[in-house]
Amino acid sequence: MTRFALATLLLGSTLSALPATAEMRSFIVPANDGYGVADCLADGSACGRIVADAWCRAQGMGAAASFGPSDPVEVTAAIARAGATSERTYTITCNE
């Protein structure tokens, strides 16, 4: 076996042993979504984790990795053009 083939084989087996990174997706939820999500996410109340996990599962994802008020810098101008109000938004990041 040539050195190149041996190196390729070793590299391939090493890479396949590495853990796969889980995909995460973030959702921006308006405070006036009609479901009262903001009531739990706004003040860090005990229902925040329950609501965030339920939101993620409703989107076909796993449990929530994080949740809370959105950073206004992260909300793009495209959302404003789509008719969003200046009302507070919340971000829920879900695991795969």
PDB file of N, CA and C in Angstrom:
ATOM      1  N   MET A   1       0.856  -1.170   0.000  1.00  0.00           N
ATOM      2  CA  MET A   1       0.000   0.000   0.000  1.00  0.00           C
ATOM      3  C   MET A   1       0.907   1.239   0.000  1.00  0.00           C
ATOM      4  N   THR A   2       0.565   2.173  -0.818  1.00  0.00           N
ATOM      5  CA  THR A   2       1.387   3.381  -0.878  1.00  0.00           C
ATOM      6  C   THR A   2       1.146   4.262   0.336  1.00  0.00           C
ATOM      7  N   ARG A   3       2.066   5.142   0.581  1.00  0.00           N
ATOM      8  CA  ARG A   3       1.921   6.045   1.726  1.00  0.00           C
ATOM      9  C   ARG A   3       0.695   6.933   1.581  1.00  0.00           C
ATOM     10  N   PHE A   4       0.419   7.390   0.369  1.00  0.00           N
ATOM     11  CA  PHE A   4      -0.746   8.239   0.132  1.00  0.00           C
ATOM     12  C   PHE A   4      -2.044   7.502   0.464  1.00  0.00           C
ATOM     13  N   ALA A   5      -2.146   6.258   0.023  1.00  0.00           N
ATOM     14  CA  ALA A   5      -3.347   5.463   0.294  1.00  0.00           C
ATOM     15  C   ALA A   5      -3.492   5.192   1.782  1.00  0.00           C
ATOM     16  N   LEU A   6      -2.387   4.919   2.446  1.00  0.00           N
ATOM     17  CA  LEU A   6      -2.421   4.678   3.881  1.00  0.00           C
ATOM     18  C   LEU A   6      -2.837   5.941   4.640  1.00  0.00           C
ATOM     19  N   ALA A   7      -2.292   7.086   4.244  1.00  0.00           N
ATOM     20  CA  ALA A   7      -2.644   8.358   4.883  1.00  0.00           C
ATOM     21  C   ALA A   7      -4.116   8.684   4.663  1.00  0.00           C
ATOM     22  N   THR A   8      -4.617   8.430   3.472  1.00  0.00           N
ATOM     23  CA  THR A   8      -6.027   8.678   3.171  1.00  0.00           C
ATOM     24  C   THR A   8      -6.925   7.783   4.016  1.00  0.00           C
ATOM     25  N   LEU A   9      -6.555   6.534   4.148  1.00  0.00           N
ATOM     26  CA  LEU A   9      -7.322   5.588   4.944  1.00  0.00           C
ATOM     27  C   LEU A   9      -7.347   6.014   6.409  1.00  0.00           C
ATOM     28  N   LEU A  10      -6.202   6.402   6.952  1.00  0.00           N
ATOM     29  CA  LEU A  10      -6.133   6.838   8.349  1.00  0.00           C
ATOM     30  C   LEU A  10      -6.929   8.120   8.575  1.00  0.00           C
ATOM     31  N   LEU A  11      -6.826   9.053   7.663  1.00  0.00           N
ATOM     32  CA  LEU A  11      -7.572  10.312   7.780  1.00  0.00           C
ATOM     33  C   LEU A  11      -9.068  10.047   7.723  1.00  0.00           C
ATOM     34  N   GLY A  12      -9.506   9.200   6.835  1.00  0.00           N
ATOM     35  CA  GLY A  12     -10.922   8.872   6.713  1.00  0.00           C
ATOM     36  C   GLY A  12     -11.474   8.216   7.958  1.00  0.00           C
ATOM     37  N   SER A  13     -10.715   7.300   8.542  1.00  0.00           N
ATOM     38  CA  SER A  13     -11.191   6.631   9.755  1.00  0.00           C
ATOM     39  C   SER A  13     -11.195   7.589  10.931  1.00  0.00           C
ATOM     40  N   THR A  14     -10.273   8.529  10.972  1.00  0.00           N
ATOM     41  CA  THR A  14     -10.237   9.522  12.055  1.00  0.00           C
ATOM     42  C   THR A  14     -11.424  10.463  11.946  1.00  0.00           C
ATOM     43  N   LEU A  15     -11.704  10.942  10.753  1.00  0.00           N
ATOM     44  CA  LEU A  15     -12.819  11.866  10.557  1.00  0.00           C
ATOM     45  C   LEU A  15     -14.159  11.207  10.851  1.00  0.00           C
ATOM     46  N   SER A  16     -14.301   9.934  10.519  1.00  0.00           N
ATOM     47  CA  SER A  16     -15.576   9.261  10.776  1.00  0.00           C
ATOM     48  C   SER A  16     -15.802   9.024  12.253  1.00  0.00           C
ATOM     49  N   ALA A  17     -14.740   9.074  13.047  1.00  0.00           N
ATOM     50  CA  ALA A  17     -14.871   8.872  14.493  1.00  0.00           C
ATOM     51  C   ALA A  17     -15.250  10.161  15.224  1.00  0.00           C
ATOM     52  N   LEU A  18     -15.138  11.295  14.551  1.00  0.00           N
ATOM     53  CA  LEU A  18     -15.490  12.566  15.173  1.00  0.00           C
ATOM     54  C   LEU A  18     -16.998  12.670  15.323  1.00  0.00           C
ATOM     55  N   PRO A  19     -17.486  13.244  16.421  1.00  0.00           N
ATOM     56  CA  PRO A  19     -18.928  13.389  16.590  1.00  0.00           C
ATOM     57  C   PRO A  19     -19.498  14.404  15.601  1.00  0.00           C
ATOM     58  N   ALA A  20     -20.680  14.129  15.129  1.00  0.00           N
ATOM     59  CA  ALA A  20     -21.353  15.054  14.220  1.00  0.00           C
ATOM     60  C   ALA A  20     -21.892  16.232  15.027  1.00  0.00           C
ATOM     61  N   THR A  21     -21.796  17.410  14.450  1.00  0.00           N
ATOM     62  CA  THR A  21     -22.329  18.580  15.143  1.00  0.00           C
ATOM     63  C   THR A  21     -23.829  18.650  14.910  1.00  0.00           C
ATOM     64  N   ALA A  22     -24.543  18.953  15.959  1.00  0.00           N
ATOM     65  CA  ALA A  22     -25.994  19.037  15.866  1.00  0.00           C
ATOM     66  C   ALA A  22     -26.381  20.334  15.174  1.00  0.00           C
ATOM     67  N   GLU A  23     -27.374  20.248  14.345  1.00  0.00           N
ATOM     68  CA  GLU A  23     -27.881  21.429  13.662  1.00  0.00           C
ATOM     69  C   GLU A  23     -28.753  22.211  14.631  1.00  0.00           C
ATOM     70  N   MET A  24     -28.616  23.516  14.596  1.00  0.00           N
ATOM     71  CA  MET A  24     -29.440  24.385  15.432  1.00  0.00           C
ATOM     72  C   MET A  24     -30.091  25.425  14.525  1.00  0.00           C
ATOM     73  N   ARG A  25     -31.326  25.776  14.845  1.00  0.00           N
ATOM     74  CA  ARG A  25     -32.045  26.809  14.092  1.00  0.00           C
ATOM     75  C   ARG A  25     -32.625  27.798  15.077  1.00  0.00           C
ATOM     76  N   SER A  26     -32.592  29.050  14.695  1.00  0.00           N
ATOM     77  CA  SER A  26     -33.166  30.100  15.538  1.00  0.00           C
ATOM     78  C   SER A  26     -34.420  30.651  14.881  1.00  0.00           C
ATOM     79  N   PHE A  27     -35.412  30.928  15.716  1.00  0.00           N
ATOM     80  CA  PHE A  27     -36.686  31.481  15.260  1.00  0.00           C
ATOM     81  C   PHE A  27     -36.912  32.800  15.980  1.00  0.00           C
ATOM     82  N   ILE A  28     -37.318  33.807  15.233  1.00  0.00           N
ATOM     83  CA  ILE A  28     -37.673  35.097  15.826  1.00  0.00           C
ATOM     84  C   ILE A  28     -39.182  35.123  15.959  1.00  0.00           C
ATOM     85  N   VAL A  29     -39.639  35.305  17.192  1.00  0.00           N
ATOM     86  CA  VAL A  29     -41.058  35.248  17.516  1.00  0.00           C
ATOM     87  C   VAL A  29     -41.500  36.637  17.965  1.00  0.00           C
ATOM     88  N   PRO A  30     -42.512  37.215  17.313  1.00  0.00           N
ATOM     89  CA  PRO A  30     -42.993  38.530  17.753  1.00  0.00           C
ATOM     90  C   PRO A  30     -43.731  38.416  19.079  1.00  0.00           C
ATOM     91  N   ALA A  31     -43.688  39.480  19.857  1.00  0.00           N
ATOM     92  CA  ALA A  31     -44.359  39.487  21.159  1.00  0.00           C
ATOM     93  C   ALA A  31     -45.868  39.314  21.003  1.00  0.00           C
ATOM     94  N   ASN A  32     -46.412  39.777  19.898  1.00  0.00           N
ATOM     95  CA  ASN A  32     -47.856  39.702  19.675  1.00  0.00           C
ATOM     96  C   ASN A  32     -48.234  38.506  18.803  1.00  0.00           C
ATOM     97  N   ASP A  33     -47.614  37.360  19.036  1.00  0.00           N
ATOM     98  CA  ASP A  33     -47.855  36.176  18.208  1.00  0.00           C
ATOM     99  C   ASP A  33     -49.222  35.556  18.414  1.00  0.00           C
ATOM    100  N   GLY A  34     -49.943  35.983  19.462  1.00  0.00           N
ATOM    101  CA  GLY A  34     -51.267  35.452  19.723  1.00  0.00           C
ATOM    102  C   GLY A  34     -51.275  34.249  20.646  1.00  0.00           C
ATOM    103  N   TYR A  35     -50.107  33.724  20.965  1.00  0.00           N
ATOM    104  CA  TYR A  35     -50.021  32.548  21.833  1.00  0.00           C
ATOM    105  C   TYR A  35     -49.520  32.890  23.233  1.00  0.00           C
ATOM    106  N   GLY A  36     -49.148  34.126  23.468  1.00  0.00           N
ATOM    107  CA  GLY A  36     -48.653  34.525  24.780  1.00  0.00           C
ATOM    108  C   GLY A  36     -47.232  34.095  25.062  1.00  0.00           C
ATOM    109  N   VAL A  37     -46.470  33.824  24.026  1.00  0.00           N
ATOM    110  CA  VAL A  37     -45.087  33.386  24.193  1.00  0.00           C
ATOM    111  C   VAL A  37     -44.286  34.435  24.954  1.00  0.00           C
ATOM    112  N   ALA A  38     -44.523  35.697  24.673  1.00  0.00           N
ATOM    113  CA  ALA A  38     -43.765  36.774  25.305  1.00  0.00           C
ATOM    114  C   ALA A  38     -43.962  36.794  26.812  1.00  0.00           C
ATOM    115  N   ASP A  39     -45.129  36.389  27.287  1.00  0.00           N
ATOM    116  CA  ASP A  39     -45.385  36.389  28.729  1.00  0.00           C
ATOM    117  C   ASP A  39     -44.387  35.519  29.478  1.00  0.00           C
ATOM    118  N   CYS A  40     -43.973  34.424  28.881  1.00  0.00           N
ATOM    119  CA  CYS A  40     -43.027  33.521  29.547  1.00  0.00           C
ATOM    120  C   CYS A  40     -41.576  33.850  29.218  1.00  0.00           C
ATOM    121  N   LEU A  41     -41.312  34.301  28.015  1.00  0.00           N
ATOM    122  CA  LEU A  41     -39.938  34.536  27.609  1.00  0.00           C
ATOM    123  C   LEU A  41     -39.399  35.886  28.079  1.00  0.00           C
ATOM    124  N   ALA A  42     -40.280  36.823  28.367  1.00  0.00           N
ATOM    125  CA  ALA A  42     -39.855  38.181  28.688  1.00  0.00           C
ATOM    126  C   ALA A  42     -39.148  38.293  30.023  1.00  0.00           C
ATOM    127  N   ASP A  43     -39.658  37.667  31.040  1.00  0.00           N
ATOM    128  CA  ASP A  43     -39.123  37.907  32.375  1.00  0.00           C
ATOM    129  C   ASP A  43     -38.359  36.721  32.957  1.00  0.00           C
ATOM    130  N   GLY A  44     -38.075  35.719  32.165  1.00  0.00           N
ATOM    131  CA  GLY A  44     -37.335  34.561  32.660  1.00  0.00           C
ATOM    132  C   GLY A  44     -38.133  33.719  33.635  1.00  0.00           C
ATOM    133  N   SER A  45     -39.455  33.743  33.497  1.00  0.00           N
ATOM    134  CA  SER A  45     -40.294  32.977  34.412  1.00  0.00           C
ATOM    135  C   SER A  45     -40.120  31.475  34.193  1.00  0.00           C
ATOM    136  N   ALA A  46     -40.650  30.697  35.112  1.00  0.00           N
ATOM    137  CA  ALA A  46     -40.500  29.239  35.074  1.00  0.00           C
ATOM    138  C   ALA A  46     -41.099  28.622  33.811  1.00  0.00           C
ATOM    139  N   CYS A  47     -42.083  29.255  33.225  1.00  0.00           N
ATOM    140  CA  CYS A  47     -42.709  28.675  32.034  1.00  0.00           C
ATOM    141  C   CYS A  47     -41.885  28.909  30.771  1.00  0.00           C
ATOM    142  N   GLY A  48     -40.813  29.696  30.846  1.00  0.00           N
ATOM    143  CA  GLY A  48     -39.996  29.990  29.667  1.00  0.00           C
ATOM    144  C   GLY A  48     -39.442  28.750  29.009  1.00  0.00           C
ATOM    145  N   ARG A  49     -38.863  27.848  29.776  1.00  0.00           N
ATOM    146  CA  ARG A  49     -38.287  26.616  29.237  1.00  0.00           C
ATOM    147  C   ARG A  49     -39.373  25.752  28.607  1.00  0.00           C
ATOM    148  N   ILE A  50     -40.517  25.662  29.257  1.00  0.00           N
ATOM    149  CA  ILE A  50     -41.626  24.836  28.751  1.00  0.00           C
ATOM    150  C   ILE A  50     -42.115  25.382  27.413  1.00  0.00           C
ATOM    151  N   VAL A  51     -42.311  26.688  27.341  1.00  0.00           N
ATOM    152  CA  VAL A  51     -42.799  27.319  26.111  1.00  0.00           C
ATOM    153  C   VAL A  51     -41.769  27.190  24.994  1.00  0.00           C
ATOM    154  N   ALA A  52     -40.494  27.434  25.300  1.00  0.00           N
ATOM    155  CA  ALA A  52     -39.452  27.345  24.276  1.00  0.00           C
ATOM    156  C   ALA A  52     -39.327  25.919  23.749  1.00  0.00           C
ATOM    157  N   ASP A  53     -39.342  24.925  24.641  1.00  0.00           N
ATOM    158  CA  ASP A  53     -39.276  23.528  24.196  1.00  0.00           C
ATOM    159  C   ASP A  53     -40.484  23.164  23.334  1.00  0.00           C
ATOM    160  N   ALA A  54     -41.666  23.611  23.735  1.00  0.00           N
ATOM    161  CA  ALA A  54     -42.880  23.322  22.962  1.00  0.00           C
ATOM    162  C   ALA A  54     -42.815  23.977  21.589  1.00  0.00           C
ATOM    163  N   TRP A  55     -42.291  25.203  21.520  1.00  0.00           N
ATOM    164  CA  TRP A  55     -42.156  25.913  20.243  1.00  0.00           C
ATOM    165  C   TRP A  55     -41.233  25.124  19.319  1.00  0.00           C
ATOM    166  N   CYS A  56     -40.095  24.677  19.852  1.00  0.00           N
ATOM    167  CA  CYS A  56     -39.141  23.922  19.042  1.00  0.00           C
ATOM    168  C   CYS A  56     -39.750  22.621  18.522  1.00  0.00           C
ATOM    169  N   ARG A  57     -40.434  21.915  19.384  1.00  0.00           N
ATOM    170  CA  ARG A  57     -41.051  20.646  18.967  1.00  0.00           C
ATOM    171  C   ARG A  57     -42.140  20.871  17.919  1.00  0.00           C
ATOM    172  N   ALA A  58     -42.859  21.978  18.029  1.00  0.00           N
ATOM    173  CA  ALA A  58     -43.887  22.307  17.031  1.00  0.00           C
ATOM    174  C   ALA A  58     -43.257  22.604  15.673  1.00  0.00           C
ATOM    175  N   GLN A  59     -41.984  22.993  15.674  1.00  0.00           N
ATOM    176  CA  GLN A  59     -41.276  23.266  14.425  1.00  0.00           C
ATOM    177  C   GLN A  59     -40.527  22.027  13.916  1.00  0.00           C
ATOM    178  N   GLY A  60     -40.733  20.879  14.580  1.00  0.00           N
ATOM    179  CA  GLY A  60     -40.085  19.638  14.168  1.00  0.00           C
ATOM    180  C   GLY A  60     -38.646  19.516  14.650  1.00  0.00           C
ATOM    181  N   MET A  61     -38.287  20.281  15.653  1.00  0.00           N
ATOM    182  CA  MET A  61     -36.931  20.274  16.191  1.00  0.00           C
ATOM    183  C   MET A  61     -36.926  19.616  17.567  1.00  0.00           C
ATOM    184  N   GLY A  62     -35.748  19.539  18.181  1.00  0.00           N
ATOM    185  CA  GLY A  62     -35.602  19.000  19.529  1.00  0.00           C
ATOM    186  C   GLY A  62     -35.855  20.090  20.558  1.00  0.00           C
ATOM    187  N   ALA A  63     -35.293  19.907  21.732  1.00  0.00           N
ATOM    188  CA  ALA A  63     -35.474  20.871  22.819  1.00  0.00           C
ATOM    189  C   ALA A  63     -34.785  22.196  22.503  1.00  0.00           C
ATOM    190  N   ALA A  64     -35.209  23.236  23.188  1.00  0.00           N
ATOM    191  CA  ALA A  64     -34.627  24.556  23.004  1.00  0.00           C
ATOM    192  C   ALA A  64     -33.227  24.609  23.602  1.00  0.00           C
ATOM    193  N   ALA A  65     -32.291  25.187  22.860  1.00  0.00           N
ATOM    194  CA  ALA A  65     -30.930  25.377  23.356  1.00  0.00           C
ATOM    195  C   ALA A  65     -30.842  26.684  24.127  1.00  0.00           C
ATOM    196  N   SER A  66     -31.574  27.686  23.657  1.00  0.00           N
ATOM    197  CA  SER A  66     -31.605  28.986  24.331  1.00  0.00           C
ATOM    198  C   SER A  66     -32.855  29.728  23.908  1.00  0.00           C
ATOM    199  N   PHE A  67     -33.211  30.725  24.706  1.00  0.00           N
ATOM    200  CA  PHE A  67     -34.378  31.545  24.394  1.00  0.00           C
ATOM    201  C   PHE A  67     -34.286  32.836  25.186  1.00  0.00           C
ATOM    202  N   GLY A  68     -34.974  33.853  24.681  1.00  0.00           N
ATOM    203  CA  GLY A  68     -34.993  35.131  25.376  1.00  0.00           C
ATOM    204  C   GLY A  68     -35.225  36.278  24.410  1.00  0.00           C
ATOM    205  N   PRO A  69     -35.149  37.502  24.921  1.00  0.00           N
ATOM    206  CA  PRO A  69     -35.354  38.674  24.068  1.00  0.00           C
ATOM    207  C   PRO A  69     -34.321  38.710  22.945  1.00  0.00           C
ATOM    208  N   SER A  70     -34.757  39.132  21.765  1.00  0.00           N
ATOM    209  CA  SER A  70     -33.862  39.243  20.616  1.00  0.00           C
ATOM    210  C   SER A  70     -33.001  40.484  20.739  1.00  0.00           C
ATOM    211  N   ASP A  71     -31.803  40.379  20.201  1.00  0.00           N
ATOM    212  CA  ASP A  71     -30.934  41.544  20.091  1.00  0.00           C
ATOM    213  C   ASP A  71     -31.431  42.339  18.887  1.00  0.00           C
ATOM    214  N   PRO A  72     -31.798  43.599  19.065  1.00  0.00           N
ATOM    215  CA  PRO A  72     -32.318  44.376  17.935  1.00  0.00           C
ATOM    216  C   PRO A  72     -31.376  44.423  16.746  1.00  0.00           C
ATOM    217  N   VAL A  73     -30.089  44.298  16.965  1.00  0.00           N
ATOM    218  CA  VAL A  73     -29.123  44.314  15.873  1.00  0.00           C
ATOM    219  C   VAL A  73     -29.273  43.082  14.996  1.00  0.00           C
ATOM    220  N   GLU A  74     -29.710  41.963  15.567  1.00  0.00           N
ATOM    221  CA  GLU A  74     -29.854  40.728  14.812  1.00  0.00           C
ATOM    222  C   GLU A  74     -31.100  40.698  13.937  1.00  0.00           C
ATOM    223  N   VAL A  75     -32.055  41.563  14.205  1.00  0.00           N
ATOM    224  CA  VAL A  75     -33.285  41.613  13.415  1.00  0.00           C
ATOM    225  C   VAL A  75     -33.023  42.515  12.218  1.00  0.00           C
ATOM    226  N   THR A  76     -33.136  41.949  11.030  1.00  0.00           N
ATOM    227  CA  THR A  76     -32.751  42.682   9.821  1.00  0.00           C
ATOM    228  C   THR A  76     -33.808  43.678   9.383  1.00  0.00           C
ATOM    229  N   ALA A  77     -33.420  44.557   8.508  1.00  0.00           N
ATOM    230  CA  ALA A  77     -34.332  45.551   7.956  1.00  0.00           C
ATOM    231  C   ALA A  77     -35.420  44.902   7.108  1.00  0.00           C
ATOM    232  N   ALA A  78     -35.161  43.710   6.580  1.00  0.00           N
ATOM    233  CA  ALA A  78     -36.153  43.021   5.758  1.00  0.00           C
ATOM    234  C   ALA A  78     -37.409  42.717   6.564  1.00  0.00           C
ATOM    235  N   ILE A  79     -37.258  42.451   7.846  1.00  0.00           N
ATOM    236  CA  ILE A  79     -38.414  42.162   8.679  1.00  0.00           C
ATOM    237  C   ILE A  79     -39.280  43.403   8.832  1.00  0.00           C
ATOM    238  N   ALA A  80     -38.645  44.558   8.973  1.00  0.00           N
ATOM    239  CA  ALA A  80     -39.397  45.808   9.102  1.00  0.00           C
ATOM    240  C   ALA A  80     -40.195  46.074   7.831  1.00  0.00           C
ATOM    241  N   ARG A  81     -39.597  45.787   6.691  1.00  0.00           N
ATOM    242  CA  ARG A  81     -40.313  46.003   5.422  1.00  0.00           C
ATOM    243  C   ARG A  81     -41.462  45.023   5.262  1.00  0.00           C
ATOM    244  N   ALA A  82     -41.405  43.893   5.931  1.00  0.00           N
ATOM    245  CA  ALA A  82     -42.456  42.886   5.807  1.00  0.00           C
ATOM    246  C   ALA A  82     -43.665  43.229   6.668  1.00  0.00           C
ATOM    247  N   GLY A  83     -43.606  44.337   7.390  1.00  0.00           N
ATOM    248  CA  GLY A  83     -44.766  44.770   8.149  1.00  0.00           C
ATOM    249  C   GLY A  83     -44.662  44.522   9.641  1.00  0.00           C
ATOM    250  N   ALA A  84     -43.505  44.127  10.133  1.00  0.00           N
ATOM    251  CA  ALA A  84     -43.345  43.913  11.569  1.00  0.00           C
ATOM    252  C   ALA A  84     -43.406  45.254  12.291  1.00  0.00           C
ATOM    253  N   THR A  85     -43.923  45.235  13.489  1.00  0.00           N
ATOM    254  CA  THR A  85     -44.002  46.462  14.265  1.00  0.00           C
ATOM    255  C   THR A  85     -42.718  46.638  15.057  1.00  0.00           C
ATOM    256  N   SER A  86     -42.623  47.737  15.753  1.00  0.00           N
ATOM    257  CA  SER A  86     -41.435  47.986  16.565  1.00  0.00           C
ATOM    258  C   SER A  86     -41.530  47.258  17.906  1.00  0.00           C
ATOM    259  N   GLU A  87     -42.557  46.435  18.076  1.00  0.00           N
ATOM    260  CA  GLU A  87     -42.732  45.686  19.305  1.00  0.00           C
ATOM    261  C   GLU A  87     -41.579  44.707  19.510  1.00  0.00           C
ATOM    262  N   ARG A  88     -41.300  44.370  20.727  1.00  0.00           N
ATOM    263  CA  ARG A  88     -40.204  43.478  21.097  1.00  0.00           C
ATOM    264  C   ARG A  88     -40.364  42.117  20.421  1.00  0.00           C
ATOM    265  N   THR A  89     -39.239  41.515  20.064  1.00  0.00           N
ATOM    266  CA  THR A  89     -39.257  40.162  19.528  1.00  0.00           C
ATOM    267  C   THR A  89     -38.399  39.270  20.418  1.00  0.00           C
ATOM    268  N   TYR A  90     -38.613  37.973  20.304  1.00  0.00           N
ATOM    269  CA  TYR A  90     -37.906  36.996  21.110  1.00  0.00           C
ATOM    270  C   TYR A  90     -37.289  35.949  20.196  1.00  0.00           C
ATOM    271  N   THR A  91     -36.136  35.446  20.584  1.00  0.00           N
ATOM    272  CA  THR A  91     -35.453  34.425  19.800  1.00  0.00           C
ATOM    273  C   THR A  91     -35.470  33.110  20.567  1.00  0.00           C
ATOM    274  N   ILE A  92     -35.845  32.057  19.843  1.00  0.00           N
ATOM    275  CA  ILE A  92     -35.782  30.708  20.394  1.00  0.00           C
ATOM    276  C   ILE A  92     -34.859  29.917  19.477  1.00  0.00           C
ATOM    277  N   THR A  93     -33.781  29.383  20.038  1.00  0.00           N
ATOM    278  CA  THR A  93     -32.844  28.565  19.277  1.00  0.00           C
ATOM    279  C   THR A  93     -33.070  27.117  19.664  1.00  0.00           C
ATOM    280  N   CYS A  94     -33.322  26.301  18.631  1.00  0.00           N
ATOM    281  CA  CYS A  94     -33.682  24.902  18.840  1.00  0.00           C
ATOM    282  C   CYS A  94     -32.570  23.965  18.391  1.00  0.00           C
ATOM    283  N   ASN A  95     -32.412  22.858  19.098  1.00  0.00           N
ATOM    284  CA  ASN A  95     -31.511  21.788  18.692  1.00  0.00           C
ATOM    285  C   ASN A  95     -32.201  20.940  17.641  1.00  0.00           C
ATOM    286  N   GLU A  96     -31.409  20.224  16.872  1.00  0.00           N
ATOM    287  CA  GLU A  96     -31.937  19.354  15.825  1.00  0.00           C
ATOM    288  C   GLU A  96     -32.840  18.288  16.414  1.00  0.00           C
TER     289      GLU A  96
END
